[in-house]
Structures are given as C-alpha cells and as structure tokens.
C-alpha atoms as a PDB file:
ATOM      1  CA  MET A   1      43.073  55.714  77.080  1.00  0.00           C
ATOM      2  CA  THR A   2      41.689  52.195  76.838  1.00  0.00           C
ATOM      3  CA  THR A   3      38.720  51.133  74.832  1.00  0.00           C
ATOM      4  CA  PRO A   4      36.001  49.111  76.496  1.00  0.00           C
ATOM      5  CA  PRO A   5      35.767  45.472  75.459  1.00  0.00           C
ATOM      6  CA  ALA A   6      33.494  44.816  72.492  1.00  0.00           C
ATOM      7  CA  ARG A   7      30.095  43.400  73.347  1.00  0.00           C
ATOM      8  CA  PRO A   8      28.980  40.350  71.411  1.00  0.00           C
ATOM      9  CA  ALA A   9      26.629  41.105  68.530  1.00  0.00           C
ATOM     10  CA  TRP A  10      24.462  37.990  68.899  1.00  0.00           C
ATOM     11  CA  PRO A  11      22.055  39.443  71.537  1.00  0.00           C
ATOM     12  CA  VAL A  12      21.265  42.371  69.245  1.00  0.00           C
ATOM     13  CA  ILE A  13      20.861  40.105  66.215  1.00  0.00           C
ATOM     14  CA  LEU A  14      18.652  37.721  68.200  1.00  0.00           C
ATOM     15  CA  THR A  15      16.474  40.623  69.371  1.00  0.00           C
ATOM     16  CA  LEU A  16      16.093  41.918  65.808  1.00  0.00           C
ATOM     17  CA  VAL A  17      15.164  38.460  64.497  1.00  0.00           C
ATOM     18  CA  ALA A  18      12.627  38.002  67.306  1.00  0.00           C
ATOM     19  CA  THR A  19      11.099  41.401  66.523  1.00  0.00           C
ATOM     20  CA  MET A  20      10.890  40.505  62.840  1.00  0.00           C
ATOM     21  CA  ALA A  21       9.202  37.182  63.677  1.00  0.00           C
ATOM     22  CA  LEU A  22       6.677  38.865  65.977  1.00  0.00           C
ATOM     23  CA  TRP A  23       5.809  41.560  63.441  1.00  0.00           C
ATOM     24  CA  GLY A  24       5.678  39.101  60.563  1.00  0.00           C
ATOM     25  CA  GLY A  25       3.537  36.705  62.564  1.00  0.00           C
ATOM     26  CA  THR A  26       0.973  39.424  63.188  1.00  0.00           C
ATOM     27  CA  TRP A  27      -0.633  38.964  59.759  1.00  0.00           C
ATOM     28  CA  PRO A  28      -1.370  35.228  59.722  1.00  0.00           C
ATOM     29  CA  VAL A  29      -2.390  35.239  63.393  1.00  0.00           C
ATOM     30  CA  GLY A  30      -4.541  38.318  62.777  1.00  0.00           C
ATOM     31  CA  LYS A  31      -6.260  36.519  59.892  1.00  0.00           C
ATOM     32  CA  VAL A  32      -7.135  33.607  62.182  1.00  0.00           C
ATOM     33  CA  VAL A  33      -8.383  35.953  64.911  1.00  0.00           C
ATOM     34  CA  ALA A  34     -10.409  37.999  62.389  1.00  0.00           C
ATOM     35  CA  GLY A  35     -12.169  34.797  61.321  1.00  0.00           C
ATOM     36  CA  ALA A  36     -12.924  33.775  64.897  1.00  0.00           C
ATOM     37  CA  VAL A  37     -14.181  36.997  66.526  1.00  0.00           C
ATOM     38  CA  GLY A  38     -15.460  40.375  65.411  1.00  0.00           C
ATOM     39  CA  PRO A  39     -13.105  43.299  64.792  1.00  0.00           C
ATOM     40  CA  TRP A  40     -14.225  45.182  67.948  1.00  0.00           C
ATOM     41  CA  THR A  41     -13.522  42.165  70.150  1.00  0.00           C
ATOM     42  CA  ALA A  42     -10.195  41.453  68.458  1.00  0.00           C
ATOM     43  CA  ALA A  43      -9.114  45.098  68.791  1.00  0.00           C
ATOM     44  CA  LEU A  44     -10.125  45.155  72.456  1.00  0.00           C
ATOM     45  CA  LEU A  45      -8.191  41.951  73.151  1.00  0.00           C
ATOM     46  CA  ARG A  46      -5.109  43.255  71.356  1.00  0.00           C
ATOM     47  CA  PHE A  47      -5.326  46.621  73.134  1.00  0.00           C
ATOM     48  CA  THR A  48      -5.794  44.968  76.547  1.00  0.00           C
ATOM     49  CA  MET A  49      -2.973  42.461  76.112  1.00  0.00           C
ATOM     50  CA  GLY A  50      -0.578  45.069  74.713  1.00  0.00           C
ATOM     51  CA  GLY A  51      -1.459  47.512  77.475  1.00  0.00           C
ATOM     52  CA  GLY A  52      -0.915  44.827  80.097  1.00  0.00           C
ATOM     53  CA  VAL A  53       2.535  44.029  78.730  1.00  0.00           C
ATOM     54  CA  LEU A  54       3.466  47.734  78.670  1.00  0.00           C
ATOM     55  CA  VAL A  55       2.266  48.224  82.267  1.00  0.00           C
ATOM     56  CA  LEU A  56       4.340  45.209  83.315  1.00  0.00           C
ATOM     57  CA  ILE A  57       7.430  46.607  81.567  1.00  0.00           C
ATOM     58  CA  CYS A  58       6.906  49.993  83.255  1.00  0.00           C
ATOM     59  CA  LEU A  59       6.569  48.321  86.657  1.00  0.00           C
ATOM     60  CA  LEU A  60       9.692  46.221  86.116  1.00  0.00           C
ATOM     61  CA  GLN A  61      11.733  49.206  84.924  1.00  0.00           C
ATOM     62  CA  GLY A  62      10.621  51.927  87.314  1.00  0.00           C
ATOM     63  CA  GLY A  63       8.272  50.419  89.863  1.00  0.00           C
ATOM     64  CA  VAL A  64       5.070  52.334  90.526  1.00  0.00           C
ATOM     65  CA  LYS A  65       6.916  55.548  89.555  1.00  0.00           C
ATOM     66  CA  GLY A  66       7.163  54.114  86.039  1.00  0.00           C
ATOM     67  CA  LEU A  67       3.378  54.448  85.712  1.00  0.00           C
ATOM     68  CA  ARG A  68       3.107  58.089  86.741  1.00  0.00           C
ATOM     69  CA  VAL A  69       1.744  60.454  84.135  1.00  0.00           C
ATOM     70  CA  ARG A  70       1.097  64.155  84.497  1.00  0.00           C
ATOM     71  CA  PRO A  71      -2.691  64.592  84.706  1.00  0.00           C
ATOM     72  CA  ALA A  72      -2.609  67.205  81.938  1.00  0.00           C
ATOM     73  CA  LEU A  73      -1.328  64.523  79.538  1.00  0.00           C
ATOM     74  CA  LEU A  74      -4.086  61.987  80.242  1.00  0.00           C
ATOM     75  CA  PRO A  75      -6.558  63.293  77.601  1.00  0.00           C
ATOM     76  CA  HIS A  76      -3.788  63.225  74.991  1.00  0.00           C
ATOM     77  CA  LEU A  77      -2.771  59.699  75.960  1.00  0.00           C
ATOM     78  CA  PHE A  78      -6.392  58.580  75.808  1.00  0.00           C
ATOM     79  CA  LEU A  79      -6.807  60.064  72.323  1.00  0.00           C
ATOM     80  CA  LEU A  80      -3.564  58.489  71.104  1.00  0.00           C
ATOM     81  CA  GLY A  81      -4.534  55.107  72.538  1.00  0.00           C
ATOM     82  CA  ALA A  82      -8.053  55.260  71.099  1.00  0.00           C
ATOM     83  CA  THR A  83      -6.988  56.255  67.598  1.00  0.00           C
ATOM     84  CA  GLY A  84      -3.399  55.135  67.168  1.00  0.00           C
ATOM     85  CA  ILE A  85      -3.721  51.755  68.852  1.00  0.00           C
ATOM     86  CA  PHE A  86      -7.357  50.722  69.166  1.00  0.00           C
ATOM     87  CA  GLY A  87      -8.445  52.358  65.903  1.00  0.00           C
ATOM     88  CA  TYR A  88      -5.544  50.824  63.994  1.00  0.00           C
ATOM     89  CA  SER A  89      -6.317  47.390  65.441  1.00  0.00           C
ATOM     90  CA  PHE A  90     -10.001  47.686  64.565  1.00  0.00           C
ATOM     91  CA  LEU A  91      -9.194  48.624  60.962  1.00  0.00           C
ATOM     92  CA  PHE A  92      -6.489  45.921  60.848  1.00  0.00           C
ATOM     93  CA  PHE A  93      -8.923  43.159  61.839  1.00  0.00           C
ATOM     94  CA  THR A  94     -11.706  44.573  59.656  1.00  0.00           C
ATOM     95  CA  GLY A  95      -9.379  44.520  56.652  1.00  0.00           C
ATOM     96  CA  LEU A  96      -8.207  40.987  57.375  1.00  0.00           C
ATOM     97  CA  LYS A  97     -11.812  39.788  57.193  1.00  0.00           C
ATOM     98  CA  THR A  98     -11.845  40.617  53.469  1.00  0.00           C
ATOM     99  CA  SER A  99      -8.200  40.220  52.435  1.00  0.00           C
ATOM    100  CA  ASP A 100      -5.527  37.581  52.800  1.00  0.00           C
ATOM    101  CA  ALA A 101      -2.646  38.102  55.238  1.00  0.00           C
ATOM    102  CA  GLY A 102       0.077  38.428  52.586  1.00  0.00           C
ATOM    103  CA  ARG A 103      -1.733  41.146  50.641  1.00  0.00           C
ATOM    104  CA  ALA A 104      -2.518  43.049  53.859  1.00  0.00           C
ATOM    105  CA  GLY A 105       1.149  42.903  54.875  1.00  0.00           C
ATOM    106  CA  LEU A 106       2.216  44.315  51.508  1.00  0.00           C
ATOM    107  CA  ILE A 107      -0.306  47.144  51.781  1.00  0.00           C
ATOM    108  CA  VAL A 108       0.943  48.125  55.230  1.00  0.00           C
ATOM    109  CA  GLY A 109       4.544  47.831  54.029  1.00  0.00           C
ATOM    110  CA  GLY A 110       3.785  50.505  51.438  1.00  0.00           C
ATOM    111  CA  ILE A 111       2.526  53.035  53.998  1.00  0.00           C
ATOM    112  CA  PRO A 112       5.865  54.887  54.411  1.00  0.00           C
ATOM    113  CA  ALA A 113       6.122  55.437  50.657  1.00  0.00           C
ATOM    114  CA  CYS A 114       2.504  56.668  50.516  1.00  0.00           C
ATOM    115  CA  ILE A 115       3.124  59.074  53.383  1.00  0.00           C
ATOM    116  CA  ALA A 116       6.242  60.431  51.662  1.00  0.00           C
ATOM    117  CA  LEU A 117       4.317  60.859  48.406  1.00  0.00           C
ATOM    118  CA  CYS A 118       1.386  62.621  50.127  1.00  0.00           C
ATOM    119  CA  SER A 119       3.810  64.841  52.030  1.00  0.00           C
ATOM    120  CA  ALA A 120       5.507  65.790  48.773  1.00  0.00           C
ATOM    121  CA  LEU A 121       2.274  66.462  46.890  1.00  0.00           C
ATOM    122  CA  ILE A 122       0.188  68.115  49.599  1.00  0.00           C
ATOM    123  CA  ALA A 123       2.700  69.858  51.870  1.00  0.00           C
ATOM    124  CA  ARG A 124       5.397  70.352  49.217  1.00  0.00           C
ATOM    125  CA  ARG A 125       7.900  68.674  51.535  1.00  0.00           C
ATOM    126  CA  TRP A 126      10.213  66.447  49.559  1.00  0.00           C
ATOM    127  CA  PRO A 127      12.095  63.757  51.458  1.00  0.00           C
ATOM    128  CA  PRO A 128      15.892  63.976  51.386  1.00  0.00           C
ATOM    129  CA  PRO A 129      17.625  61.769  48.783  1.00  0.00           C
ATOM    130  CA  LEU A 130      18.749  59.183  51.365  1.00  0.00           C
ATOM    131  CA  ALA A 131      15.167  58.783  52.606  1.00  0.00           C
ATOM    132  CA  MET A 132      13.933  58.387  49.040  1.00  0.00           C
ATOM    133  CA  ALA A 133      16.543  55.718  48.422  1.00  0.00           C
ATOM    134  CA  GLY A 134      15.231  53.835  51.461  1.00  0.00           C
END
C-alpha cells in the first residue's frame, strides 16, 4: 500500500492568515463605517454584500442547484438571517459608535468564555476540561 504524496502546507497557512486578517480588519473598518453611516444602513450593506458573496459561491460550486432550498426551511433561514446576521451587524455597528475598535474586539473575543460560564451556571452543563483549557 502506498501513501499519497504530501500536499504542501503553505496554501492552508495562507488561507488561515487571510482569514485572520479579514476578521481582524473587521473592527477598524467597522469603526470607520459606523462613523460614516447609521447602524441600520451599515448592517444592510454588510448583509447585502455578504449575501451576494455567498450566492456567488453557491453558483460557482453547484450552479443554480446550489441555491435550492426546501420551501419548508425558508422561514427558518429568514429568521436566522434576520437575527444571526442582520441583528448582529446592527448591534456591532451600534456598539462601535460608542466604543473603540480594540475594546470591541476584546469584548467579542470573550463571548465563548461568557457562554461557557452561563451554560455552567444556568443549565448546569460544565464544559469538558479540554474546552476549559481552551
């Protein structure tokens, strides 16, 4: 039995660095946008641009079939988009109007720890030791 040749690691590393730069750049760019337009407009722009990119990816990956959704799922998708994406963006830009980008990034970075703490206190679900170490 032969092993397949090893793939170079640099494409994965480059992708991870690009993702980190995009996520990290969200805060200073968001601060500029929050100073230029209102939070509703900024959230709508972010939602529209992100949705456009996702539609393009779906079309490139699966053609028109990549956009098909069971009709029964449409209300759920609408609710998730309205709260999880648009609502988050609105609160993101509203918060950046009153806080600096670095502080906002630190607050959002602490969300996983807050969720774990709330889960432990409210639902009595303690994270496993490895998750707590993370």
